[in-house]
Amino acid sequence: MHPEPRRERRYGSQVSSIPPRRLVATDLDGTLLDASGKVTPRTAAAVVAARAAGIHVVPVTGRPPQAMWSAVDGAGLGPYAVCSNGAVTIDMEERTVVEELNLSAAIATRLVERVRAAIPGAVFATDNLDRFCHETSFFDRPVTWEEEIEEVPDIKAALEQPCIKLIVRLPGTGALELIAMLEGVVGEEGHTTTSGLDWVDIGAPGITKAYALERVCARLGVHVDDVVAVGDNHNDLSVLGWAGTAMAPSNAVAEVLALADRVLPHHDREGVAVLLEEMARG
């Protein structure tokens, strides 16, 4: 059974402090990481202090594992991480995959065909645990990512095996508008979301950050009421609506701010560090 949002929250109803909690689930880009995509020394120290106080600090990100390590190495996060918007759960210490929830090759191929028929001009990419694969026209400019990138003329050539997620982009169209266009095309065969870029991630049905985090909490014996979730974008809405306490940096999108029990400082002003320092002090 997939987790359901626990309650609606009213924007502006903020709390200045929180009672003790056992787990902080934090998004990375736009939340824990600074504008350069790094963990600052202050944030790293706050993570260490929180974990020393018995608080789990779990990354919950849209990044696949191979795109996460360079950003968080040495930060002491863990013991688990939720990656790829819930499709992959990682043991941070062992660097092993605990759970992988793929979109089947047959469904991904079928969705590509449907989207192409319904939305002319759409271009595609896929994420897997070994590489990011994209069609020639997917990017407007060259990218220099640390993870392996492969270019193909037709994304269906990369769909002989299941993928973590199928990614759709329509140049000149924003992600939320594209999600609305995809709603009737994808139907119940996938779950659509966006992390703020102008593309849409399609994962397996029902797989969200909240779904994976609930399973992590079961492993750790942590009740939902003891979870603080922090995020800034649309792919964080599921986990913010599910967690016992929801927080957002001040740079978060309006829909996220509307769910927040508390607004933290901007991610470039180390808002998550402020939270963790407070929690570590008890």
Foldseek 3Di string as FASTA:
>chain_A
DFFDQPDFFAFPQADPADDFFAEEEEEQPFTQAAPVLAHDPLQLVLCVLLVVLRHAYEYQYLAAPVQCCVRCPPSNHDCWYQYNQQQWIARVVVRDTPHGHFQFLVLLVQLVVLCCVQPPQKWKWFAANQEIETEPPPDPDDDDGPGHYYYDNHCNVVSPGTTQWMKIARPPAAQVVVCVSCPVSCPQQWDWDDQGDRMIITGGGSRGSSRNVVVVCVVVVGDQLSYEYEDAEGSCVRNLSRHNAYEYEPNHDPVRSRSHNHYFHGSNVNRVSVNSNSNSVD
